[in-house]
PDB file of N, CA and C in Angstrom:
ATOM      1  N   MET A   1      26.639  17.403  35.084  1.00  0.00           N
ATOM      2  CA  MET A   1      26.290  16.790  36.305  1.00  0.00           C
ATOM      3  C   MET A   1      25.831  15.467  36.100  1.00  0.00           C
ATOM      4  N   PRO A   2      26.286  14.519  36.819  1.00  0.00           N
ATOM      5  CA  PRO A   2      25.786  13.310  36.595  1.00  0.00           C
ATOM      6  C   PRO A   2      24.467  12.842  36.672  1.00  0.00           C
ATOM      7  N   ILE A   3      23.797  11.918  36.117  1.00  0.00           N
ATOM      8  CA  ILE A   3      22.330  11.635  36.172  1.00  0.00           C
ATOM      9  C   ILE A   3      22.196  10.528  37.446  1.00  0.00           C
ATOM     10  N   ASP A   4      21.202  10.769  38.005  1.00  0.00           N
ATOM     11  CA  ASP A   4      20.872   9.913  39.199  1.00  0.00           C
ATOM     12  C   ASP A   4      19.729   8.886  38.662  1.00  0.00           C
ATOM     13  N   LYS A   5      20.239   7.686  38.107  1.00  0.00           N
ATOM     14  CA  LYS A   5      19.675   6.930  37.321  1.00  0.00           C
ATOM     15  C   LYS A   5      18.271   6.357  37.947  1.00  0.00           C
ATOM     16  N   GLU A   6      18.547   5.955  39.241  1.00  0.00           N
ATOM     17  CA  GLU A   6      17.493   5.430  39.960  1.00  0.00           C
ATOM     18  C   GLU A   6      16.264   6.451  40.229  1.00  0.00           C
ATOM     19  N   GLU A   7      16.742   7.752  40.472  1.00  0.00           N
ATOM     20  CA  GLU A   7      15.519   8.829  40.674  1.00  0.00           C
ATOM     21  C   GLU A   7      14.969   9.101  39.167  1.00  0.00           C
ATOM     22  N   THR A   8      15.746   9.073  38.401  1.00  0.00           N
ATOM     23  CA  THR A   8      15.245   9.346  37.007  1.00  0.00           C
ATOM     24  C   THR A   8      14.387   8.246  36.507  1.00  0.00           C
ATOM     25  N   ILE A   9      14.630   6.968  36.682  1.00  0.00           N
ATOM     26  CA  ILE A   9      13.880   5.995  36.437  1.00  0.00           C
ATOM     27  C   ILE A   9      12.380   6.053  37.107  1.00  0.00           C
ATOM     28  N   LYS A  10      12.380   6.163  38.310  1.00  0.00           N
ATOM     29  CA  LYS A  10      11.342   6.568  39.253  1.00  0.00           C
ATOM     30  C   LYS A  10      10.526   7.514  38.514  1.00  0.00           C
ATOM     31  N   GLN A  11      11.021   8.772  38.060  1.00  0.00           N
ATOM     32  CA  GLN A  11      10.315   9.745  37.620  1.00  0.00           C
ATOM     33  C   GLN A  11       9.721   9.453  36.313  1.00  0.00           C
ATOM     34  N   ALA A  12      10.204   8.822  35.397  1.00  0.00           N
ATOM     35  CA  ALA A  12       9.785   8.414  34.218  1.00  0.00           C
ATOM     36  C   ALA A  12       8.721   7.439  34.344  1.00  0.00           C
ATOM     37  N   TYR A  13       8.845   6.349  35.184  1.00  0.00           N
ATOM     38  CA  TYR A  13       7.773   5.445  35.542  1.00  0.00           C
ATOM     39  C   TYR A  13       6.497   6.118  36.055  1.00  0.00           C
ATOM     40  N   LYS A  14       6.644   7.074  36.957  1.00  0.00           N
ATOM     41  CA  LYS A  14       5.549   7.705  37.603  1.00  0.00           C
ATOM     42  C   LYS A  14       4.808   8.454  36.169  1.00  0.00           C
ATOM     43  N   PHE A  15       5.571   9.127  35.493  1.00  0.00           N
ATOM     44  CA  PHE A  15       4.993   9.930  34.289  1.00  0.00           C
ATOM     45  C   PHE A  15       4.313   9.038  33.316  1.00  0.00           C
ATOM     46  N   LEU A  16       4.927   8.028  33.011  1.00  0.00           N
ATOM     47  CA  LEU A  16       4.326   6.993  31.884  1.00  0.00           C
ATOM     48  C   LEU A  16       3.096   6.228  32.624  1.00  0.00           C
ATOM     49  N   LYS A  17       2.993   5.980  33.862  1.00  0.00           N
ATOM     50  CA  LYS A  17       1.845   5.469  34.473  1.00  0.00           C
ATOM     51  C   LYS A  17       0.717   6.300  34.188  1.00  0.00           C
ATOM     52  N   SER A  18       0.652   7.430  33.854  1.00  0.00           N
ATOM     53  CA  SER A  18      -0.304   8.490  33.526  1.00  0.00           C
ATOM     54  C   SER A  18      -1.116   8.094  32.175  1.00  0.00           C
ATOM     55  N   TYR A  19      -0.452   7.056  31.437  1.00  0.00           N
ATOM     56  CA  TYR A  19      -1.056   6.858  30.061  1.00  0.00           C
ATOM     57  C   TYR A  19      -2.452   6.720  30.046  1.00  0.00           C
ATOM     58  N   HIS A  20      -3.087   5.895  30.869  1.00  0.00           N
ATOM     59  CA  HIS A  20      -4.435   5.575  30.723  1.00  0.00           C
ATOM     60  C   HIS A  20      -5.450   6.674  31.160  1.00  0.00           C
ATOM     61  N   SER A  21      -5.025   7.466  32.029  1.00  0.00           N
ATOM     62  CA  SER A  21      -5.579   8.770  32.364  1.00  0.00           C
ATOM     63  C   SER A  21      -5.633   9.632  31.185  1.00  0.00           C
ATOM     64  N   LEU A  22      -4.431   9.745  30.544  1.00  0.00           N
ATOM     65  CA  LEU A  22      -4.323  10.616  29.473  1.00  0.00           C
ATOM     66  C   LEU A  22      -5.332  10.196  28.330  1.00  0.00           C
ATOM     67  N   VAL A  23      -5.504   8.955  28.208  1.00  0.00           N
ATOM     68  CA  VAL A  23      -6.487   8.248  27.163  1.00  0.00           C
ATOM     69  C   VAL A  23      -7.693   8.832  27.485  1.00  0.00           C
ATOM     70  N   LYS A  24      -8.265   8.668  28.644  1.00  0.00           N
ATOM     71  CA  LYS A  24      -9.552   9.265  29.112  1.00  0.00           C
ATOM     72  C   LYS A  24      -9.720  10.778  28.939  1.00  0.00           C
ATOM     73  N   LEU A  25      -8.698  11.357  29.085  1.00  0.00           N
ATOM     74  CA  LEU A  25      -8.822  12.944  28.900  1.00  0.00           C
ATOM     75  C   LEU A  25      -8.973  13.238  27.433  1.00  0.00           C
ATOM     76  N   SER A  26      -8.186  12.362  26.669  1.00  0.00           N
ATOM     77  CA  SER A  26      -8.273  12.731  25.037  1.00  0.00           C
ATOM     78  C   SER A  26      -9.529  12.350  24.483  1.00  0.00           C
ATOM     79  N   LEU A  27     -10.367  11.630  25.154  1.00  0.00           N
ATOM     80  CA  LEU A  27     -11.576  11.033  24.489  1.00  0.00           C
ATOM     81  C   LEU A  27     -12.661  11.995  24.148  1.00  0.00           C
ATOM     82  N   GLY A  28     -12.413  13.256  24.804  1.00  0.00           N
ATOM     83  CA  GLY A  28     -13.464  14.299  24.625  1.00  0.00           C
ATOM     84  C   GLY A  28     -14.249  14.447  25.731  1.00  0.00           C
ATOM     85  N   GLY A  29     -14.825  15.741  25.629  1.00  0.00           N
ATOM     86  CA  GLY A  29     -16.033  16.063  26.705  1.00  0.00           C
ATOM     87  C   GLY A  29     -15.024  16.649  27.938  1.00  0.00           C
ATOM     88  N   GLN A  30     -13.895  17.093  27.690  1.00  0.00           N
ATOM     89  CA  GLN A  30     -12.953  17.921  28.657  1.00  0.00           C
ATOM     90  C   GLN A  30     -12.890  19.197  28.105  1.00  0.00           C
ATOM     91  N   ASP A  31     -12.240  20.011  28.744  1.00  0.00           N
ATOM     92  CA  ASP A  31     -11.809  21.432  28.445  1.00  0.00           C
ATOM     93  C   ASP A  31     -10.914  21.270  27.204  1.00  0.00           C
ATOM     94  N   GLY A  32     -11.037  21.955  26.160  1.00  0.00           N
ATOM     95  CA  GLY A  32     -10.272  22.117  24.984  1.00  0.00           C
ATOM     96  C   GLY A  32      -8.834  21.931  25.333  1.00  0.00           C
ATOM     97  N   ALA A  33      -8.297  22.646  26.180  1.00  0.00           N
ATOM     98  CA  ALA A  33      -6.839  22.546  26.412  1.00  0.00           C
ATOM     99  C   ALA A  33      -6.320  21.340  26.924  1.00  0.00           C
ATOM    100  N   PHE A  34      -7.040  20.810  28.102  1.00  0.00           N
ATOM    101  CA  PHE A  34      -6.709  19.532  28.648  1.00  0.00           C
ATOM    102  C   PHE A  34      -6.718  18.408  27.587  1.00  0.00           C
ATOM    103  N   GLU A  35      -7.677  18.430  26.785  1.00  0.00           N
ATOM    104  CA  GLU A  35      -7.856  17.394  25.598  1.00  0.00           C
ATOM    105  C   GLU A  35      -6.852  17.400  24.600  1.00  0.00           C
ATOM    106  N   ALA A  36      -6.518  18.573  24.261  1.00  0.00           N
ATOM    107  CA  ALA A  36      -5.292  18.822  23.354  1.00  0.00           C
ATOM    108  C   ALA A  36      -3.855  18.400  23.923  1.00  0.00           C
ATOM    109  N   LYS A  37      -3.734  18.866  25.285  1.00  0.00           N
ATOM    110  CA  LYS A  37      -2.462  18.426  25.867  1.00  0.00           C
ATOM    111  C   LYS A  37      -2.459  16.996  26.068  1.00  0.00           C
ATOM    112  N   ALA A  38      -3.575  16.373  26.524  1.00  0.00           N
ATOM    113  CA  ALA A  38      -3.539  14.834  26.587  1.00  0.00           C
ATOM    114  C   ALA A  38      -3.228  14.096  25.307  1.00  0.00           C
ATOM    115  N   MET A  39      -3.823  14.650  24.276  1.00  0.00           N
ATOM    116  CA  MET A  39      -3.621  14.044  22.938  1.00  0.00           C
ATOM    117  C   MET A  39      -2.091  14.203  22.500  1.00  0.00           C
ATOM    118  N   GLU A  40      -1.485  15.429  22.745  1.00  0.00           N
ATOM    119  CA  GLU A  40      -0.042  15.655  22.491  1.00  0.00           C
ATOM    120  C   GLU A  40       0.698  14.594  23.117  1.00  0.00           C
ATOM    121  N   LEU A  41       0.546  14.426  24.599  1.00  0.00           N
ATOM    122  CA  LEU A  41       1.258  13.486  25.410  1.00  0.00           C
ATOM    123  C   LEU A  41       1.179  12.048  24.908  1.00  0.00           C
ATOM    124  N   LEU A  42       0.020  11.671  24.492  1.00  0.00           N
ATOM    125  CA  LEU A  42      -0.351  10.307  24.040  1.00  0.00           C
ATOM    126  C   LEU A  42       0.560  10.178  22.812  1.00  0.00           C
ATOM    127  N   ARG A  43       0.591  11.026  21.926  1.00  0.00           N
ATOM    128  CA  ARG A  43       1.427  11.047  20.672  1.00  0.00           C
ATOM    129  C   ARG A  43       2.777  10.802  21.001  1.00  0.00           C
ATOM    130  N   VAL A  44       3.392  11.331  21.944  1.00  0.00           N
ATOM    131  CA  VAL A  44       4.744  11.448  22.245  1.00  0.00           C
ATOM    132  C   VAL A  44       5.206  10.083  22.781  1.00  0.00           C
ATOM    133  N   ILE A  45       4.191   9.618  23.798  1.00  0.00           N
ATOM    134  CA  ILE A  45       4.471   8.120  24.304  1.00  0.00           C
ATOM    135  C   ILE A  45       4.133   7.092  23.192  1.00  0.00           C
ATOM    136  N   GLU A  46       3.140   7.241  22.404  1.00  0.00           N
ATOM    137  CA  GLU A  46       3.040   6.231  21.421  1.00  0.00           C
ATOM    138  C   GLU A  46       4.330   6.150  20.291  1.00  0.00           C
ATOM    139  N   ALA A  47       4.727   7.294  19.969  1.00  0.00           N
ATOM    140  CA  ALA A  47       5.693   7.518  19.029  1.00  0.00           C
ATOM    141  C   ALA A  47       7.078   6.859  19.651  1.00  0.00           C
ATOM    142  N   PHE A  48       7.272   7.051  20.888  1.00  0.00           N
ATOM    143  CA  PHE A  48       8.351   6.577  21.596  1.00  0.00           C
ATOM    144  C   PHE A  48       8.373   4.899  21.488  1.00  0.00           C
ATOM    145  N   ARG A  49       7.080   4.420  21.840  1.00  0.00           N
ATOM    146  CA  ARG A  49       6.863   3.010  21.924  1.00  0.00           C
ATOM    147  C   ARG A  49       7.170   2.354  20.493  1.00  0.00           C
ATOM    148  N   ASP A  50       6.555   3.079  19.555  1.00  0.00           N
ATOM    149  CA  ASP A  50       6.550   2.483  18.144  1.00  0.00           C
ATOM    150  C   ASP A  50       7.937   2.452  17.683  1.00  0.00           C
ATOM    151  N   ASN A  51       8.809   3.419  18.179  1.00  0.00           N
ATOM    152  CA  ASN A  51      10.250   3.241  17.825  1.00  0.00           C
ATOM    153  C   ASN A  51      11.187   2.234  18.407  1.00  0.00           C
ATOM    154  N   LEU A  52      10.635   1.556  19.295  1.00  0.00           N
ATOM    155  CA  LEU A  52      11.458   0.557  19.979  1.00  0.00           C
ATOM    156  C   LEU A  52      11.567  -0.778  19.325  1.00  0.00           C
ATOM    157  N   ASP A  53      12.445  -1.520  19.661  1.00  0.00           N
ATOM    158  CA  ASP A  53      12.554  -2.829  18.915  1.00  0.00           C
ATOM    159  C   ASP A  53      11.481  -3.763  19.514  1.00  0.00           C
ATOM    160  N   ASP A  54      11.219  -4.986  19.093  1.00  0.00           N
ATOM    161  CA  ASP A  54      10.097  -5.751  19.312  1.00  0.00           C
ATOM    162  C   ASP A  54      10.212  -6.022  20.791  1.00  0.00           C
ATOM    163  N   VAL A  55      11.225  -6.581  21.538  1.00  0.00           N
ATOM    164  CA  VAL A  55      11.191  -7.009  22.809  1.00  0.00           C
ATOM    165  C   VAL A  55      11.159  -5.719  23.679  1.00  0.00           C
ATOM    166  N   ARG A  56      11.646  -4.673  23.433  1.00  0.00           N
ATOM    167  CA  ARG A  56      11.452  -3.458  24.316  1.00  0.00           C
ATOM    168  C   ARG A  56      10.016  -2.849  24.108  1.00  0.00           C
ATOM    169  N   ARG A  57       9.411  -2.909  23.004  1.00  0.00           N
ATOM    170  CA  ARG A  57       8.099  -2.450  22.729  1.00  0.00           C
ATOM    171  C   ARG A  57       7.119  -3.280  23.438  1.00  0.00           C
ATOM    172  N   GLU A  58       7.283  -4.611  23.409  1.00  0.00           N
ATOM    173  CA  GLU A  58       6.313  -5.379  24.362  1.00  0.00           C
ATOM    174  C   GLU A  58       6.558  -5.201  25.953  1.00  0.00           C
ATOM    175  N   ILE A  59       7.859  -4.991  26.320  1.00  0.00           N
ATOM    176  CA  ILE A  59       8.039  -4.638  27.912  1.00  0.00           C
ATOM    177  C   ILE A  59       7.303  -3.457  27.993  1.00  0.00           C
ATOM    178  N   PHE A  60       7.427  -2.082  27.304  1.00  0.00           N
ATOM    179  CA  PHE A  60       6.894  -0.981  27.323  1.00  0.00           C
ATOM    180  C   PHE A  60       5.469  -0.959  27.359  1.00  0.00           C
ATOM    181  N   ALA A  61       4.737  -1.822  26.461  1.00  0.00           N
ATOM    182  CA  ALA A  61       3.447  -1.798  26.407  1.00  0.00           C
ATOM    183  C   ALA A  61       2.773  -2.733  27.487  1.00  0.00           C
ATOM    184  N   ASN A  62       3.475  -3.756  27.932  1.00  0.00           N
ATOM    185  CA  ASN A  62       2.956  -4.477  29.260  1.00  0.00           C
ATOM    186  C   ASN A  62       2.947  -3.565  30.291  1.00  0.00           C
ATOM    187  N   LEU A  63       3.881  -2.859  30.313  1.00  0.00           N
ATOM    188  CA  LEU A  63       4.208  -1.750  31.567  1.00  0.00           C
ATOM    189  C   LEU A  63       3.114  -0.643  31.607  1.00  0.00           C
ATOM    190  N   PHE A  64       2.901  -0.100  30.394  1.00  0.00           N
ATOM    191  CA  PHE A  64       2.128   1.180  30.385  1.00  0.00           C
ATOM    192  C   PHE A  64       0.942   1.280  29.408  1.00  0.00           C
ATOM    193  N   THR A  65       1.009   0.715  28.210  1.00  0.00           N
ATOM    194  CA  THR A  65      -0.052   1.212  27.391  1.00  0.00           C
ATOM    195  C   THR A  65      -1.175  -0.121  27.288  1.00  0.00           C
ATOM    196  N   LYS A  66      -0.792  -1.234  27.561  1.00  0.00           N
ATOM    197  CA  LYS A  66      -1.966  -2.274  27.519  1.00  0.00           C
ATOM    198  C   LYS A  66      -2.818  -2.124  28.635  1.00  0.00           C
ATOM    199  N   ARG A  67      -4.166  -2.546  28.453  1.00  0.00           N
ATOM    200  CA  ARG A  67      -5.145  -2.623  29.504  1.00  0.00           C
ATOM    201  C   ARG A  67      -4.799  -3.619  30.682  1.00  0.00           C
ATOM    202  N   THR A  68      -5.333  -3.426  31.854  1.00  0.00           N
ATOM    203  CA  THR A  68      -5.028  -4.459  32.830  1.00  0.00           C
ATOM    204  C   THR A  68      -5.356  -5.935  32.427  1.00  0.00           C
ATOM    205  N   GLY A  69      -6.569  -6.199  31.663  1.00  0.00           N
ATOM    206  CA  GLY A  69      -6.734  -7.502  31.326  1.00  0.00           C
ATOM    207  C   GLY A  69      -6.009  -7.981  30.098  1.00  0.00           C
ATOM    208  N   GLU A  70      -5.262  -7.289  29.504  1.00  0.00           N
ATOM    209  CA  GLU A  70      -4.377  -7.478  28.355  1.00  0.00           C
ATOM    210  C   GLU A  70      -2.996  -7.720  28.756  1.00  0.00           C
ATOM    211  N   ARG A  71      -2.618  -7.318  29.796  1.00  0.00           N
ATOM    212  CA  ARG A  71      -1.181  -7.476  30.420  1.00  0.00           C
ATOM    213  C   ARG A  71      -0.854  -8.822  30.530  1.00  0.00           C
ATOM    214  N   LEU A  72       0.493  -9.096  30.220  1.00  0.00           N
ATOM    215  CA  LEU A  72       0.867 -10.492  30.648  1.00  0.00           C
ATOM    216  C   LEU A  72       1.637 -10.512  32.110  1.00  0.00           C
ATOM    217  N   LYS A  73       1.468 -11.678  32.768  1.00  0.00           N
ATOM    218  CA  LYS A  73       2.062 -11.752  34.097  1.00  0.00           C
ATOM    219  C   LYS A  73       3.564 -11.778  33.720  1.00  0.00           C
ATOM    220  N   LEU A  74       4.316 -11.408  34.751  1.00  0.00           N
ATOM    221  CA  LEU A  74       5.871 -11.354  34.569  1.00  0.00           C
ATOM    222  C   LEU A  74       6.423 -12.549  33.791  1.00  0.00           C
ATOM    223  N   TRP A  75       5.953 -13.840  34.624  1.00  0.00           N
ATOM    224  CA  TRP A  75       6.468 -15.104  34.026  1.00  0.00           C
ATOM    225  C   TRP A  75       6.092 -15.382  32.538  1.00  0.00           C
ATOM    226  N   GLN A  76       4.959 -14.963  32.251  1.00  0.00           N
ATOM    227  CA  GLN A  76       4.377 -15.192  30.905  1.00  0.00           C
ATOM    228  C   GLN A  76       5.308 -14.110  29.926  1.00  0.00           C
ATOM    229  N   LEU A  77       5.585 -12.953  30.276  1.00  0.00           N
ATOM    230  CA  LEU A  77       6.380 -11.983  29.540  1.00  0.00           C
ATOM    231  C   LEU A  77       7.827 -12.391  29.342  1.00  0.00           C
ATOM    232  N   TYR A  78       8.442 -13.163  30.338  1.00  0.00           N
ATOM    233  CA  TYR A  78       9.705 -13.647  30.322  1.00  0.00           C
ATOM    234  C   TYR A  78       9.806 -14.679  29.481  1.00  0.00           C
ATOM    235  N   GLU A  79       8.912 -15.647  29.658  1.00  0.00           N
ATOM    236  CA  GLU A  79       8.667 -16.834  28.481  1.00  0.00           C
ATOM    237  C   GLU A  79       8.388 -16.325  27.151  1.00  0.00           C
ATOM    238  N   ALA A  80       7.486 -15.394  26.864  1.00  0.00           N
ATOM    239  CA  ALA A  80       7.268 -15.114  25.540  1.00  0.00           C
ATOM    240  C   ALA A  80       8.392 -14.345  24.970  1.00  0.00           C
ATOM    241  N   LEU A  81       9.258 -13.537  25.718  1.00  0.00           N
ATOM    242  CA  LEU A  81      10.413 -12.898  25.161  1.00  0.00           C
ATOM    243  C   LEU A  81      11.582 -13.565  25.265  1.00  0.00           C
ATOM    244  N   ASP A  82      11.673 -14.736  25.926  1.00  0.00           N
ATOM    245  CA  ASP A  82      12.814 -15.553  26.020  1.00  0.00           C
ATOM    246  C   ASP A  82      13.827 -14.760  26.825  1.00  0.00           C
ATOM    247  N   ILE A  83      13.384 -14.181  27.910  1.00  0.00           N
ATOM    248  CA  ILE A  83      14.405 -13.285  28.712  1.00  0.00           C
ATOM    249  C   ILE A  83      14.053 -13.875  30.229  1.00  0.00           C
ATOM    250  N   ASP A  84      15.228 -13.616  31.107  1.00  0.00           N
ATOM    251  CA  ASP A  84      15.067 -13.833  32.382  1.00  0.00           C
ATOM    252  C   ASP A  84      14.768 -12.492  33.390  1.00  0.00           C
ATOM    253  N   LYS A  85      14.660 -12.556  34.474  1.00  0.00           N
ATOM    254  CA  LYS A  85      14.129 -11.401  35.517  1.00  0.00           C
ATOM    255  C   LYS A  85      15.301 -10.413  35.278  1.00  0.00           C
ATOM    256  N   ALA A  86      16.542 -10.697  35.391  1.00  0.00           N
ATOM    257  CA  ALA A  86      17.690  -9.708  35.256  1.00  0.00           C
ATOM    258  C   ALA A  86      17.739  -8.946  33.935  1.00  0.00           C
ATOM    259  N   GLU A  87      17.485  -9.839  32.878  1.00  0.00           N
ATOM    260  CA  GLU A  87      17.420  -9.155  31.626  1.00  0.00           C
ATOM    261  C   GLU A  87      16.254  -8.064  31.482  1.00  0.00           C
ATOM    262  N   TYR A  88      15.029  -8.483  31.925  1.00  0.00           N
ATOM    263  CA  TYR A  88      13.843  -7.731  31.891  1.00  0.00           C
ATOM    264  C   TYR A  88      14.072  -6.552  32.737  1.00  0.00           C
ATOM    265  N   GLU A  89      14.785  -6.390  33.914  1.00  0.00           N
ATOM    266  CA  GLU A  89      14.894  -5.433  34.907  1.00  0.00           C
ATOM    267  C   GLU A  89      15.933  -4.415  34.128  1.00  0.00           C
ATOM    268  N   ARG A  90      16.909  -5.043  33.477  1.00  0.00           N
ATOM    269  CA  ARG A  90      18.011  -4.189  32.689  1.00  0.00           C
ATOM    270  C   ARG A  90      17.111  -3.551  31.522  1.00  0.00           C
ATOM    271  N   LEU A  91      16.428  -4.158  30.765  1.00  0.00           N
ATOM    272  CA  LEU A  91      15.811  -3.591  29.676  1.00  0.00           C
ATOM    273  C   LEU A  91      14.679  -2.494  30.028  1.00  0.00           C
ATOM    274  N   LYS A  92      14.049  -2.780  31.177  1.00  0.00           N
ATOM    275  CA  LYS A  92      13.026  -1.789  31.698  1.00  0.00           C
ATOM    276  C   LYS A  92      13.634  -0.522  32.149  1.00  0.00           C
ATOM    277  N   ALA A  93      14.909  -0.606  32.860  1.00  0.00           N
ATOM    278  CA  ALA A  93      15.538   0.569  33.259  1.00  0.00           C
ATOM    279  C   ALA A  93      16.237   1.341  31.962  1.00  0.00           C
ATOM    280  N   GLU A  94      16.676   0.560  31.050  1.00  0.00           N
ATOM    281  CA  GLU A  94      17.085   1.149  29.769  1.00  0.00           C
ATOM    282  C   GLU A  94      16.178   1.934  29.079  1.00  0.00           C
ATOM    283  N   ILE A  95      14.885   1.275  29.026  1.00  0.00           N
ATOM    284  CA  ILE A  95      13.797   1.960  28.286  1.00  0.00           C
ATOM    285  C   ILE A  95      13.399   3.403  29.077  1.00  0.00           C
ATOM    286  N   LEU A  96      13.179   3.144  30.222  1.00  0.00           N
ATOM    287  CA  LEU A  96      12.730   4.373  31.148  1.00  0.00           C
ATOM    288  C   LEU A  96      13.828   5.624  31.056  1.00  0.00           C
ATOM    289  N   LEU A  97      15.055   5.076  31.065  1.00  0.00           N
ATOM    290  CA  LEU A  97      16.258   6.068  31.090  1.00  0.00           C
ATOM    291  C   LEU A  97      16.109   6.874  29.519  1.00  0.00           C
ATOM    292  N   ASP A  98      15.818   5.975  28.582  1.00  0.00           N
ATOM    293  CA  ASP A  98      15.751   6.595  27.152  1.00  0.00           C
ATOM    294  C   ASP A  98      14.800   7.549  27.119  1.00  0.00           C
ATOM    295  N   PHE A  99      13.388   7.061  27.595  1.00  0.00           N
ATOM    296  CA  PHE A  99      12.450   7.960  27.467  1.00  0.00           C
ATOM    297  C   PHE A  99      12.704   9.348  28.380  1.00  0.00           C
ATOM    298  N   ALA A 100      13.191   9.009  29.406  1.00  0.00           N
ATOM    299  CA  ALA A 100      13.421  10.225  30.291  1.00  0.00           C
ATOM    300  C   ALA A 100      14.440  11.305  29.435  1.00  0.00           C
ATOM    301  N   LYS A 101      15.479  10.736  28.805  1.00  0.00           N
ATOM    302  CA  LYS A 101      16.364  11.611  28.095  1.00  0.00           C
ATOM    303  C   LYS A 101      15.740  12.184  26.791  1.00  0.00           C
ATOM    304  N   SER A 102      14.802  11.583  26.270  1.00  0.00           N
ATOM    305  CA  SER A 102      14.251  12.070  24.968  1.00  0.00           C
ATOM    306  C   SER A 102      12.951  12.804  25.271  1.00  0.00           C
ATOM    307  N   TYR A 103      12.360  12.759  26.280  1.00  0.00           N
ATOM    308  CA  TYR A 103      11.204  13.559  26.628  1.00  0.00           C
ATOM    309  C   TYR A 103      11.450  15.052  26.865  1.00  0.00           C
ATOM    310  N   ARG A 104      11.135  15.863  25.847  1.00  0.00           N
ATOM    311  CA  ARG A 104      11.269  17.524  26.223  1.00  0.00           C
ATOM    312  C   ARG A 104      12.599  17.778  26.569  1.00  0.00           C
ATOM    313  N   GLY A 105      13.689  17.169  25.798  1.00  0.00           N
ATOM    314  CA  GLY A 105      14.980  17.724  26.128  1.00  0.00           C
ATOM    315  C   GLY A 105      15.449  17.100  27.553  1.00  0.00           C
ATOM    316  N   GLY A 106      14.835  16.240  28.003  1.00  0.00           N
ATOM    317  CA  GLY A 106      15.310  15.686  29.491  1.00  0.00           C
ATOM    318  C   GLY A 106      14.768  16.112  30.545  1.00  0.00           C
ATOM    319  N   VAL A 107      13.595  16.988  30.726  1.00  0.00           N
ATOM    320  CA  VAL A 107      13.013  17.282  31.737  1.00  0.00           C
ATOM    321  C   VAL A 107      12.870  16.319  32.898  1.00  0.00           C
ATOM    322  N   LEU A 108      12.763  15.114  32.613  1.00  0.00           N
ATOM    323  CA  LEU A 108      12.481  14.064  33.514  1.00  0.00           C
ATOM    324  C   LEU A 108      13.729  13.609  34.113  1.00  0.00           C
ATOM    325  N   LEU A 109      14.782  14.035  33.636  1.00  0.00           N
ATOM    326  CA  LEU A 109      16.227  13.543  34.207  1.00  0.00           C
ATOM    327  C   LEU A 109      16.463  14.316  35.555  1.00  0.00           C
ATOM    328  N   ARG A 110      16.994  13.387  36.505  1.00  0.00           N
ATOM    329  CA  ARG A 110      17.320  13.925  37.886  1.00  0.00           C
ATOM    330  C   ARG A 110      18.741  13.660  38.058  1.00  0.00           C
ATOM    331  N   ASN A 111      19.280  14.889  38.247  1.00  0.00           N
ATOM    332  CA  ASN A 111      21.065  14.824  38.732  1.00  0.00           C
ATOM    333  C   ASN A 111      21.068  14.450  40.083  1.00  0.00           C
ATOM    334  N   VAL A 112      22.433  13.804  40.337  1.00  0.00           N
ATOM    335  CA  VAL A 112      22.813  13.458  41.382  1.00  0.00           C
ATOM    336  C   VAL A 112      23.203  14.635  42.519  1.00  0.00           C
ATOM    337  N   GLU A 113      22.424  14.578  43.659  1.00  0.00           N
ATOM    338  CA  GLU A 113      22.665  15.502  44.542  1.00  0.00           C
ATOM    339  C   GLU A 113      24.171  15.382  45.374  1.00  0.00           C
ATOM    340  N   ILE A 114      24.663  16.382  45.317  1.00  0.00           N
ATOM    341  CA  ILE A 114      26.152  16.347  46.002  1.00  0.00           C
ATOM    342  C   ILE A 114      26.083  17.140  47.322  1.00  0.00           C
TER     343      ILE A 114
END
């Protein structure tokens, strides 16, 4: 069945936006199961990030893993990576689709509704 790329991208984006909440959960003081699960998910996200090339890694980090004060504004990111908005959007979609496909055998993938 064909993949609904737009819905898959949205699903992966929502999942990855939980990164900072997972960091808080992994710091301790939580129920052991929550802390362990948060640490597991952080390892998966960070391993994915670390396996990206430099440009994709910077886009991924700027979207999900950098703290608010550390993030570049889009125009700064375009300049730093020597890309334009169209290339940024293409790379972002590619990163999110790749993550969705790789995470737990593709559980984030959404199929086209017929």
